[in-house]
Structures are given as C-alpha cells and as structure tokens.
Amino acid sequence: NVMGSDTYQITGNVREEEKEIVLEINDEDIELVANQVGVSKEVAEDA
C-alpha cells in the first residue's frame, strides 16, 4: 500500500493455458450481411 493505492506482487511457478475462442455470430448479423450483398444466409455466415 502506497498512499492509499494497493499493488499486488505475485511470485511462483507460471504456466499458460491457451483458450479455444468460440466465435458466436447472431442471426441478425447474418441477415444483415445476406441482405446487403444479396447472398444466402449460409454464404453470409461463412463470410
């Protein structure tokens, strides 16, 4: 604690675990892209 502000110091053995990022695309976005470009919803979702 320095003048009311807290700082944390951590020591130990470090390891990293990668996360699998799951991309969620909602139906409104798919429809918007499909309507803007004039393609099917499947093509819009792939894009």
All heavy atoms as atom14 arrays in JSON, in Angstrom:
{
  "sequence": "NVMGSDTYQITGNVREEEKEIVLEINDEDIELVANQVGVSKEVAEDA",
  "atom14_mask": [
    [1, 1, 1, 1, 1, 1, 1, 1, 0, 0, 0, 0, 0, 0],
    [1, 1, 1, 1, 1, 1, 1, 0, 0, 0, 0, 0, 0, 0],
    [1, 1, 1, 1, 1, 1, 1, 1, 0, 0, 0, 0, 0, 0],
    [1, 1, 1, 1, 0, 0, 0, 0, 0, 0, 0, 0, 0, 0],
    [1, 1, 1, 1, 1, 1, 0, 0, 0, 0, 0, 0, 0, 0],
    [1, 1, 1, 1, 1, 1, 1, 1, 0, 0, 0, 0, 0, 0],
    [1, 1, 1, 1, 1, 1, 1, 0, 0, 0, 0, 0, 0, 0],
    [1, 1, 1, 1, 1, 1, 1, 1, 1, 1, 1, 1, 0, 0],
    [1, 1, 1, 1, 1, 1, 1, 1, 1, 0, 0, 0, 0, 0],
    [1, 1, 1, 1, 1, 1, 1, 1, 0, 0, 0, 0, 0, 0],
    [1, 1, 1, 1, 1, 1, 1, 0, 0, 0, 0, 0, 0, 0],
    [1, 1, 1, 1, 0, 0, 0, 0, 0, 0, 0, 0, 0, 0],
    [1, 1, 1, 1, 1, 1, 1, 1, 0, 0, 0, 0, 0, 0],
    [1, 1, 1, 1, 1, 1, 1, 0, 0, 0, 0, 0, 0, 0],
    [1, 1, 1, 1, 1, 1, 1, 1, 1, 1, 1, 0, 0, 0],
    [1, 1, 1, 1, 1, 1, 1, 1, 1, 0, 0, 0, 0, 0],
    [1, 1, 1, 1, 1, 1, 1, 1, 1, 0, 0, 0, 0, 0],
    [1, 1, 1, 1, 1, 1, 1, 1, 1, 0, 0, 0, 0, 0],
    [1, 1, 1, 1, 1, 1, 1, 1, 1, 0, 0, 0, 0, 0],
    [1, 1, 1, 1, 1, 1, 1, 1, 1, 0, 0, 0, 0, 0],
    [1, 1, 1, 1, 1, 1, 1, 1, 0, 0, 0, 0, 0, 0],
    [1, 1, 1, 1, 1, 1, 1, 0, 0, 0, 0, 0, 0, 0],
    [1, 1, 1, 1, 1, 1, 1, 1, 0, 0, 0, 0, 0, 0],
    [1, 1, 1, 1, 1, 1, 1, 1, 1, 0, 0, 0, 0, 0],
    [1, 1, 1, 1, 1, 1, 1, 1, 0, 0, 0, 0, 0, 0],
    [1, 1, 1, 1, 1, 1, 1, 1, 0, 0, 0, 0, 0, 0],
    [1, 1, 1, 1, 1, 1, 1, 1, 0, 0, 0, 0, 0, 0],
    [1, 1, 1, 1, 1, 1, 1, 1, 1, 0, 0, 0, 0, 0],
    [1, 1, 1, 1, 1, 1, 1, 1, 0, 0, 0, 0, 0, 0],
    [1, 1, 1, 1, 1, 1, 1, 1, 0, 0, 0, 0, 0, 0],
    [1, 1, 1, 1, 1, 1, 1, 1, 1, 0, 0, 0, 0, 0],
    [1, 1, 1, 1, 1, 1, 1, 1, 0, 0, 0, 0, 0, 0],
    [1, 1, 1, 1, 1, 1, 1, 0, 0, 0, 0, 0, 0, 0],
    [1, 1, 1, 1, 1, 0, 0, 0, 0, 0, 0, 0, 0, 0],
    [1, 1, 1, 1, 1, 1, 1, 1, 0, 0, 0, 0, 0, 0],
    [1, 1, 1, 1, 1, 1, 1, 1, 1, 0, 0, 0, 0, 0],
    [1, 1, 1, 1, 1, 1, 1, 0, 0, 0, 0, 0, 0, 0],
    [1, 1, 1, 1, 0, 0, 0, 0, 0, 0, 0, 0, 0, 0],
    [1, 1, 1, 1, 1, 1, 1, 0, 0, 0, 0, 0, 0, 0],
    [1, 1, 1, 1, 1, 1, 0, 0, 0, 0, 0, 0, 0, 0],
    [1, 1, 1, 1, 1, 1, 1, 1, 1, 0, 0, 0, 0, 0],
    [1, 1, 1, 1, 1, 1, 1, 1, 1, 0, 0, 0, 0, 0],
    [1, 1, 1, 1, 1, 1, 1, 0, 0, 0, 0, 0, 0, 0],
    [1, 1, 1, 1, 1, 0, 0, 0, 0, 0, 0, 0, 0, 0],
    [1, 1, 1, 1, 1, 1, 1, 1, 1, 0, 0, 0, 0, 0],
    [1, 1, 1, 1, 1, 1, 1, 1, 0, 0, 0, 0, 0, 0],
    [1, 1, 1, 1, 1, 0, 0, 0, 0, 0, 0, 0, 0, 0]
  ],
  "atom14_positions": [
    [[0.85, -1.17, 0.0], [0.0, 0.0, 0.0], [0.89, 1.23, 0.0], [1.71, 1.4, 0.9], [-0.92, 0.0, 1.23], [-1.88, 1.16, 1.19], [-1.48, 2.3, 1.38], [-3.14, 0.86, 0.96], [0.0, 0.0, 0.0], [0.0, 0.0, 0.0], [0.0, 0.0, 0.0], [0.0, 0.0, 0.0], [0.0, 0.0, 0.0], [0.0, 0.0, 0.0]],
    [[0.74, 2.06, -1.03], [1.48, 3.3, -1.14], [0.46, 4.42, -1.29], [-0.27, 4.47, -2.29], [2.44, 3.3, -2.35], [3.22, 4.6, -2.41], [3.38, 2.11, -2.28], [0.0, 0.0, 0.0], [0.0, 0.0, 0.0], [0.0, 0.0, 0.0], [0.0, 0.0, 0.0], [0.0, 0.0, 0.0], [0.0, 0.0, 0.0], [0.0, 0.0, 0.0]],
    [[0.37, 5.25, -0.28], [-0.55, 6.4, -0.29], [-1.96, 6.0, -0.71], [-2.59, 6.63, -1.56], [0.01, 7.51, -1.2], [1.33, 8.04, -0.7], [2.09, 9.44, -1.57], [1.62, 9.26, -3.23], [0.0, 0.0, 0.0], [0.0, 0.0, 0.0], [0.0, 0.0, 0.0], [0.0, 0.0, 0.0], [0.0, 0.0, 0.0], [0.0, 0.0, 0.0]],
    [[-2.47, 4.92, -0.15], [-3.84, 4.51, -0.39], [-4.07, 3.67, -1.62], [-5.18, 3.25, -1.9], [0.0, 0.0, 0.0], [0.0, 0.0, 0.0], [0.0, 0.0, 0.0], [0.0, 0.0, 0.0], [0.0, 0.0, 0.0], [0.0, 0.0, 0.0], [0.0, 0.0, 0.0], [0.0, 0.0, 0.0], [0.0, 0.0, 0.0], [0.0, 0.0, 0.0]],
    [[-3.04, 3.4, -2.38], [-3.16, 2.58, -3.59], [-2.48, 1.24, -3.36], [-1.33, 1.19, -2.94], [-2.51, 3.31, -4.77], [-2.63, 2.56, -5.94], [0.0, 0.0, 0.0], [0.0, 0.0, 0.0], [0.0, 0.0, 0.0], [0.0, 0.0, 0.0], [0.0, 0.0, 0.0], [0.0, 0.0, 0.0], [0.0, 0.0, 0.0], [0.0, 0.0, 0.0]],
    [[-3.22, 0.15, -3.65], [-2.68, -1.19, -3.44], [-2.05, -1.75, -4.7], [-2.6, -1.62, -5.8], [-3.79, -2.16, -2.99], [-4.3, -1.84, -1.59], [-3.54, -1.23, -0.81], [-5.45, -2.2, -1.28], [0.0, 0.0, 0.0], [0.0, 0.0, 0.0], [0.0, 0.0, 0.0], [0.0, 0.0, 0.0], [0.0, 0.0, 0.0], [0.0, 0.0, 0.0]],
    [[-0.89, -2.39, -4.54], [-0.2, -3.08, -5.62], [0.07, -4.51, -5.15], [0.53, -4.71, -4.02], [1.14, -2.39, -5.95], [0.88, -1.03, -6.31], [1.85, -3.08, -7.09], [0.0, 0.0, 0.0], [0.0, 0.0, 0.0], [0.0, 0.0, 0.0], [0.0, 0.0, 0.0], [0.0, 0.0, 0.0], [0.0, 0.0, 0.0], [0.0, 0.0, 0.0]],
    [[-0.22, -5.46, -6.01], [-0.02, -6.87, -5.66], [1.21, -7.41, -6.38], [1.4, -7.16, -7.57], [-1.24, -7.7, -6.07], [-2.46, -7.4, -5.23], [-3.28, -6.32, -5.53], [-2.77, -8.19, -4.14], [-4.39, -6.03, -4.75], [-3.88, -7.91, -3.36], [-4.69, -6.83, -3.67], [-5.78, -6.56, -2.9], [0.0, 0.0, 0.0], [0.0, 0.0, 0.0]],
    [[2.03, -8.15, -5.64], [3.2, -8.81, -6.2], [2.99, -10.31, -6.06], [2.7, -10.8, -4.97], [4.46, -8.4, -5.45], [5.7, -9.14, -5.9], [6.91, -8.73, -5.09], [7.05, -7.59, -4.69], [7.77, -9.69, -4.83], [0.0, 0.0, 0.0], [0.0, 0.0, 0.0], [0.0, 0.0, 0.0], [0.0, 0.0, 0.0], [0.0, 0.0, 0.0]],
    [[3.1, -11.02, -7.17], [2.86, -12.46, -7.19], [4.13, -13.17, -7.61], [4.73, -12.81, -8.62], [1.73, -12.81, -8.17], [0.48, -12.01, -7.84], [1.44, -14.3, -8.17], [-0.55, -11.99, -8.95], [0.0, 0.0, 0.0], [0.0, 0.0, 0.0], [0.0, 0.0, 0.0], [0.0, 0.0, 0.0], [0.0, 0.0, 0.0], [0.0, 0.0, 0.0]],
    [[4.54, -14.17, -6.84], [5.69, -14.99, -7.22], [5.28, -16.45, -7.18], [4.42, -16.84, -6.39], [6.88, -14.77, -6.27], [6.47, -15.02, -4.93], [7.44, -13.37, -6.36], [0.0, 0.0, 0.0], [0.0, 0.0, 0.0], [0.0, 0.0, 0.0], [0.0, 0.0, 0.0], [0.0, 0.0, 0.0], [0.0, 0.0, 0.0], [0.0, 0.0, 0.0]],
    [[5.87, -17.24, -8.05], [5.57, -18.67, -8.1], [5.89, -19.24, -9.47], [6.47, -18.57, -10.32], [0.0, 0.0, 0.0], [0.0, 0.0, 0.0], [0.0, 0.0, 0.0], [0.0, 0.0, 0.0], [0.0, 0.0, 0.0], [0.0, 0.0, 0.0], [0.0, 0.0, 0.0], [0.0, 0.0, 0.0], [0.0, 0.0, 0.0], [0.0, 0.0, 0.0]],
    [[5.5, -20.48, -9.68], [5.72, -21.15, -10.96], [4.58, -20.79, -11.92], [3.42, -20.92, -11.57], [5.78, -22.67, -10.76], [6.93, -23.07, -9.88], [7.98, -22.45, -9.89], [6.74, -24.1, -9.08], [0.0, 0.0, 0.0], [0.0, 0.0, 0.0], [0.0, 0.0, 0.0], [0.0, 0.0, 0.0], [0.0, 0.0, 0.0], [0.0, 0.0, 0.0]],
    [[4.96, -20.39, -13.12], [3.97, -19.91, -14.1], [3.79, -20.92, -15.22], [4.76, -21.49, -15.71], [4.44, -18.57, -14.71], [3.46, -18.08, -15.75], [4.63, -17.52, -13.63], [0.0, 0.0, 0.0], [0.0, 0.0, 0.0], [0.0, 0.0, 0.0], [0.0, 0.0, 0.0], [0.0, 0.0, 0.0], [0.0, 0.0, 0.0], [0.0, 0.0, 0.0]],
    [[2.52, -21.11, -15.59], [2.21, -21.89, -16.79], [1.05, -21.19, -17.5], [0.26, -20.5, -16.88], [1.9, -23.34, -16.47], [0.57, -23.62, -15.85], [0.34, -25.14, -15.65], [-1.03, -25.42, -15.37], [-1.6, -25.35, -14.19], [-0.88, -24.97, -13.14], [-2.88, -25.62, -14.03], [0.0, 0.0, 0.0], [0.0, 0.0, 0.0], [0.0, 0.0, 0.0]],
    [[1.0, -21.37, -18.8], [-0.06, -20.76, -19.59], [-0.92, -21.84, -20.22], [-0.41, -22.87, -20.66], [0.53, -19.88, -20.69], [1.24, -18.65, -20.16], [1.72, -17.73, -21.27], [1.35, -17.95, -22.44], [2.46, -16.8, -20.96], [0.0, 0.0, 0.0], [0.0, 0.0, 0.0], [0.0, 0.0, 0.0], [0.0, 0.0, 0.0], [0.0, 0.0, 0.0]],
    [[-2.21, -21.58, -20.26], [-3.15, -22.48, -20.92], [-3.88, -21.68, -21.98], [-4.51, -20.67, -21.68], [-4.15, -23.07, -19.92], [-3.53, -24.03, -18.94], [-4.55, -24.63, -17.99], [-5.75, -24.31, -18.09], [-4.13, -25.43, -17.14], [0.0, 0.0, 0.0], [0.0, 0.0, 0.0], [0.0, 0.0, 0.0], [0.0, 0.0, 0.0], [0.0, 0.0, 0.0]],
    [[-3.76, -22.13, -23.22], [-4.44, -21.46, -24.33], [-5.93, -21.74, -24.26], [-6.35, -22.84, -23.91], [-3.9, -21.95, -25.67], [-2.43, -21.66, -25.9], [-2.13, -20.17, -26.0], [-2.94, -19.44, -26.6], [-1.1, -19.75, -25.45], [0.0, 0.0, 0.0], [0.0, 0.0, 0.0], [0.0, 0.0, 0.0], [0.0, 0.0, 0.0], [0.0, 0.0, 0.0]],
    [[-6.72, -20.75, -24.59], [-8.17, -20.92, -24.64], [-8.61, -21.08, -26.08], [-8.04, -20.46, -26.97], [-8.89, -19.7, -24.08], [-8.79, -19.5, -22.61], [-9.63, -18.3, -22.24], [-9.52, -17.92, -20.81], [-10.28, -16.7, -20.51], [0.0, 0.0, 0.0], [0.0, 0.0, 0.0], [0.0, 0.0, 0.0], [0.0, 0.0, 0.0], [0.0, 0.0, 0.0]],
    [[-9.61, -21.89, -26.27], [-10.21, -22.02, -27.59], [-11.28, -20.94, -27.69], [-12.23, -20.91, -26.9], [-10.84, -23.39, -27.79], [-11.37, -23.59, -29.19], [-11.9, -24.99, -29.39], [-11.27, -25.94, -28.9], [-12.93, -25.11, -30.05], [0.0, 0.0, 0.0], [0.0, 0.0, 0.0], [0.0, 0.0, 0.0], [0.0, 0.0, 0.0], [0.0, 0.0, 0.0]],
    [[-11.1, -20.03, -28.62], [-12.03, -18.93, -28.78], [-13.19, -19.4, -29.66], [-12.98, -19.83, -30.8], [-11.35, -17.7, -29.4], [-10.23, -17.22, -28.49], [-12.36, -16.58, -29.63], [-9.37, -16.13, -29.07], [0.0, 0.0, 0.0], [0.0, 0.0, 0.0], [0.0, 0.0, 0.0], [0.0, 0.0, 0.0], [0.0, 0.0, 0.0], [0.0, 0.0, 0.0]],
    [[-14.39, -19.32, -29.11], [-15.58, -19.73, -29.85], [-16.27, -18.47, -30.33], [-16.68, -17.62, -29.54], [-16.53, -20.55, -28.94], [-17.78, -20.92, -29.7], [-15.82, -21.78, -28.42], [0.0, 0.0, 0.0], [0.0, 0.0, 0.0], [0.0, 0.0, 0.0], [0.0, 0.0, 0.0], [0.0, 0.0, 0.0], [0.0, 0.0, 0.0], [0.0, 0.0, 0.0]],
    [[-16.37, -18.35, -31.64], [-16.99, -17.18, -32.24], [-18.48, -17.42, -32.39], [-18.9, -18.39, -33.02], [-16.35, -16.9, -33.62], [-16.9, -15.72, -34.4], [-16.62, -14.43, -33.65], [-16.27, -15.67, -35.77], [0.0, 0.0, 0.0], [0.0, 0.0, 0.0], [0.0, 0.0, 0.0], [0.0, 0.0, 0.0], [0.0, 0.0, 0.0], [0.0, 0.0, 0.0]],
    [[-19.26, -16.56, -31.77], [-20.72, -16.67, -31.87], [-21.22, -15.54, -32.78], [-21.0, -14.38, -32.5], [-21.37, -16.59, -30.5], [-21.05, -17.77, -29.63], [-21.76, -17.72, -28.3], [-22.84, -17.1, -28.22], [-21.24, -18.3, -27.35], [0.0, 0.0, 0.0], [0.0, 0.0, 0.0], [0.0, 0.0, 0.0], [0.0, 0.0, 0.0], [0.0, 0.0, 0.0]],
    [[-21.9, -15.93, -33.83], [-22.45, -14.96, -34.77], [-23.96, -15.04, -34.66], [-24.56, -16.1, -34.85], [-21.98, -15.26, -36.21], [-20.44, -15.19, -36.26], [-22.6, -14.29, -37.18], [-19.85, -15.69, -37.54], [0.0, 0.0, 0.0], [0.0, 0.0, 0.0], [0.0, 0.0, 0.0], [0.0, 0.0, 0.0], [0.0, 0.0, 0.0], [0.0, 0.0, 0.0]],
    [[-24.59, -13.89, -34.37], [-26.04, -13.93, -34.19], [-26.77, -13.84, -35.53], [-26.22, -13.41, -36.55], [-26.52, -12.86, -33.21], [-26.23, -11.45, -33.68], [-26.42, -11.14, -34.85], [-25.81, -10.59, -32.78], [0.0, 0.0, 0.0], [0.0, 0.0, 0.0], [0.0, 0.0, 0.0], [0.0, 0.0, 0.0], [0.0, 0.0, 0.0], [0.0, 0.0, 0.0]],
    [[-28.02, -14.25, -35.52], [-28.83, -14.3, -36.74], [-29.04, -12.94, -37.37], [-29.12, -12.82, -38.6], [-30.2, -14.95, -36.44], [-30.07, -16.42, -36.1], [-29.08, -17.05, -36.53], [-30.97, -16.95, -35.41], [0.0, 0.0, 0.0], [0.0, 0.0, 0.0], [0.0, 0.0, 0.0], [0.0, 0.0, 0.0], [0.0, 0.0, 0.0], [0.0, 0.0, 0.0]],
    [[-29.11, -11.89, -36.55], [-29.3, -10.53, -37.08], [-28.12, -10.12, -37.95], [-28.3, -9.51, -39.01], [-29.48, -9.54, -35.95], [-30.77, -9.73, -35.18], [-30.83, -8.87, -33.93], [-29.84, -8.18, -33.61], [-31.88, -8.89, -33.28], [0.0, 0.0, 0.0], [0.0, 0.0, 0.0], [0.0, 0.0, 0.0], [0.0, 0.0, 0.0], [0.0, 0.0, 0.0]],
    [[-26.91, -10.44, -37.52], [-25.71, -10.11, -38.3], [-25.7, -10.88, -39.62], [-25.35, -10.34, -40.67], [-24.44, -10.41, -37.51], [-24.23, -9.45, -36.35], [-24.93, -8.42, -36.28], [-23.36, -9.74, -35.5], [0.0, 0.0, 0.0], [0.0, 0.0, 0.0], [0.0, 0.0, 0.0], [0.0, 0.0, 0.0], [0.0, 0.0, 0.0], [0.0, 0.0, 0.0]],
    [[-26.08, -12.15, -39.57], [-26.12, -12.98, -40.78], [-27.13, -12.4, -41.77], [-26.83, -12.24, -42.96], [-26.46, -14.44, -40.44], [-25.34, -15.07, -39.6], [-26.71, -15.26, -41.71], [-25.69, -16.41, -39.0], [0.0, 0.0, 0.0], [0.0, 0.0, 0.0], [0.0, 0.0, 0.0], [0.0, 0.0, 0.0], [0.0, 0.0, 0.0], [0.0, 0.0, 0.0]],
    [[-28.31, -12.03, -41.28], [-29.33, -11.46, -42.15], [-28.88, -10.13, -42.74], [-29.11, -9.86, -43.92], [-30.64, -11.26, -41.38], [-31.46, -12.52, -41.28], [-32.84, -12.24, -40.72], [-33.5, -11.28, -41.16], [-33.25, -13.01, -39.85], [0.0, 0.0, 0.0], [0.0, 0.0, 0.0], [0.0, 0.0, 0.0], [0.0, 0.0, 0.0], [0.0, 0.0, 0.0]],
    [[-28.25, -9.31, -41.93], [-27.77, -8.0, -42.4], [-26.78, -8.17, -43.55], [-26.91, -7.53, -44.59], [-27.12, -7.22, -41.26], [-26.56, -5.86, -41.65], [-27.69, -4.87, -41.86], [-25.59, -5.37, -40.6], [0.0, 0.0, 0.0], [0.0, 0.0, 0.0], [0.0, 0.0, 0.0], [0.0, 0.0, 0.0], [0.0, 0.0, 0.0], [0.0, 0.0, 0.0]],
    [[-25.8, -9.05, -43.38], [-24.8, -9.28, -44.42], [-25.46, -9.88, -45.66], [-25.2, -9.45, -46.8], [-23.65, -10.18, -43.91], [-22.72, -10.57, -45.06], [-22.86, -9.47, -42.81], [0.0, 0.0, 0.0], [0.0, 0.0, 0.0], [0.0, 0.0, 0.0], [0.0, 0.0, 0.0], [0.0, 0.0, 0.0], [0.0, 0.0, 0.0], [0.0, 0.0, 0.0]],
    [[-26.33, -10.86, -45.47], [-27.01, -11.5, -46.6], [-27.82, -10.48, -47.39], [-27.79, -10.48, -48.63], [-27.9, -12.64, -46.1], [0.0, 0.0, 0.0], [0.0, 0.0, 0.0], [0.0, 0.0, 0.0], [0.0, 0.0, 0.0], [0.0, 0.0, 0.0], [0.0, 0.0, 0.0], [0.0, 0.0, 0.0], [0.0, 0.0, 0.0], [0.0, 0.0, 0.0]],
    [[-28.56, -9.61, -46.71], [-29.38, -8.6, -47.39], [-28.54, -7.53, -48.08], [-28.88, -7.07, -49.16], [-30.36, -7.95, -46.41], [-31.43, -8.91, -45.95], [-31.75, -9.89, -46.63], [-31.98, -8.66, -44.77], [0.0, 0.0, 0.0], [0.0, 0.0, 0.0], [0.0, 0.0, 0.0], [0.0, 0.0, 0.0], [0.0, 0.0, 0.0], [0.0, 0.0, 0.0]],
    [[-27.45, -7.13, -47.45], [-26.59, -6.09, -48.02], [-25.94, -6.54, -49.33], [-25.79, -5.76, -50.26], [-25.48, -5.69, -47.03], [-25.94, -4.81, -45.92], [-26.16, -3.38, -46.39], [-25.41, -2.85, -47.2], [-27.2, -2.77, -45.88], [0.0, 0.0, 0.0], [0.0, 0.0, 0.0], [0.0, 0.0, 0.0], [0.0, 0.0, 0.0], [0.0, 0.0, 0.0]],
    [[-25.52, -7.79, -49.37], [-24.76, -8.29, -50.52], [-25.64, -9.09, -51.48], [-25.29, -9.27, -52.64], [-23.56, -9.14, -50.02], [-22.68, -9.57, -51.17], [-22.72, -8.35, -49.03], [0.0, 0.0, 0.0], [0.0, 0.0, 0.0], [0.0, 0.0, 0.0], [0.0, 0.0, 0.0], [0.0, 0.0, 0.0], [0.0, 0.0, 0.0], [0.0, 0.0, 0.0]],
    [[-26.77, -9.57, -51.0], [-27.65, -10.36, -51.84], [-27.19, -11.8, -52.0], [-27.2, -12.36, -53.09], [0.0, 0.0, 0.0], [0.0, 0.0, 0.0], [0.0, 0.0, 0.0], [0.0, 0.0, 0.0], [0.0, 0.0, 0.0], [0.0, 0.0, 0.0], [0.0, 0.0, 0.0], [0.0, 0.0, 0.0], [0.0, 0.0, 0.0], [0.0, 0.0, 0.0]],
    [[-26.78, -12.41, -50.89], [-26.33, -13.8, -50.91], [-27.17, -14.59, -49.91], [-27.94, -14.03, -49.13], [-24.83, -13.93, -50.55], [-23.96, -13.25, -51.59], [-24.54, -13.37, -49.17], [0.0, 0.0, 0.0], [0.0, 0.0, 0.0], [0.0, 0.0, 0.0], [0.0, 0.0, 0.0], [0.0, 0.0, 0.0], [0.0, 0.0, 0.0], [0.0, 0.0, 0.0]],
    [[-27.0, -15.9, -49.92], [-27.74, -16.74, -48.98], [-27.2, -16.55, -47.57], [-26.08, -16.07, -47.37], [-27.61, -18.22, -49.38], [-26.29, -18.66, -49.17], [0.0, 0.0, 0.0], [0.0, 0.0, 0.0], [0.0, 0.0, 0.0], [0.0, 0.0, 0.0], [0.0, 0.0, 0.0], [0.0, 0.0, 0.0], [0.0, 0.0, 0.0], [0.0, 0.0, 0.0]],
    [[-27.98, -16.97, -46.58], [-27.57, -16.85, -45.19], [-26.34, -17.71, -44.91], [-25.48, -17.34, -44.11], [-28.71, -17.25, -44.26], [-29.83, -16.23, -44.23], [-30.91, -16.63, -43.25], [-32.02, -15.6, -43.24], [-33.09, -15.95, -42.3], [0.0, 0.0, 0.0], [0.0, 0.0, 0.0], [0.0, 0.0, 0.0], [0.0, 0.0, 0.0], [0.0, 0.0, 0.0]],
    [[-26.24, -18.86, -45.58], [-25.08, -19.74, -45.37], [-23.79, -19.07, -45.84], [-22.76, -19.13, -45.16], [-25.28, -21.08, -46.1], [-26.37, -21.96, -45.53], [-27.78, -21.54, -45.96], [-27.92, -20.8, -46.97], [-28.73, -21.93, -45.27], [0.0, 0.0, 0.0], [0.0, 0.0, 0.0], [0.0, 0.0, 0.0], [0.0, 0.0, 0.0], [0.0, 0.0, 0.0]],
    [[-23.86, -18.42, -47.01], [-22.68, -17.72, -47.55], [-22.33, -16.56, -46.63], [-21.15, -16.31, -46.34], [-22.94, -17.25, -49.0], [-21.81, -16.36, -49.48], [-23.12, -18.44, -49.93], [0.0, 0.0, 0.0], [0.0, 0.0, 0.0], [0.0, 0.0, 0.0], [0.0, 0.0, 0.0], [0.0, 0.0, 0.0], [0.0, 0.0, 0.0], [0.0, 0.0, 0.0]],
    [[-23.34, -15.83, -46.17], [-23.1, -14.69, -45.27], [-22.47, -15.16, -43.96], [-21.54, -14.53, -43.44], [-24.41, -13.97, -45.0], [0.0, 0.0, 0.0], [0.0, 0.0, 0.0], [0.0, 0.0, 0.0], [0.0, 0.0, 0.0], [0.0, 0.0, 0.0], [0.0, 0.0, 0.0], [0.0, 0.0, 0.0], [0.0, 0.0, 0.0], [0.0, 0.0, 0.0]],
    [[-22.95, -16.28, -43.43], [-22.4, -16.81, -42.18], [-20.94, -17.23, -42.36], [-20.09, -16.94, -41.51], [-23.23, -18.01, -41.7], [-22.78, -18.54, -40.36], [-23.67, -19.65, -39.84], [-24.58, -20.11, -40.56], [-23.44, -20.06, -38.69], [0.0, 0.0, 0.0], [0.0, 0.0, 0.0], [0.0, 0.0, 0.0], [0.0, 0.0, 0.0], [0.0, 0.0, 0.0]],
    [[-20.63, -17.88, -43.48], [-19.23, -18.27, -43.76], [-18.33, -17.04, -43.85], [-17.2, -17.04, -43.33], [-19.15, -19.1, -45.04], [-19.78, -20.48, -44.89], [-19.96, -20.92, -43.73], [-20.1, -21.1, -45.93], [0.0, 0.0, 0.0], [0.0, 0.0, 0.0], [0.0, 0.0, 0.0], [0.0, 0.0, 0.0], [0.0, 0.0, 0.0], [0.0, 0.0, 0.0]],
    [[-18.82, -16.0, -44.51], [-18.03, -14.77, -44.65], [-17.8, -14.13, -43.28], [-16.69, -13.63, -43.0], [-18.73, -13.79, -45.59], [0.0, 0.0, 0.0], [0.0, 0.0, 0.0], [0.0, 0.0, 0.0], [0.0, 0.0, 0.0], [0.0, 0.0, 0.0], [0.0, 0.0, 0.0], [0.0, 0.0, 0.0], [0.0, 0.0, 0.0], [0.0, 0.0, 0.0]]
  ]
}
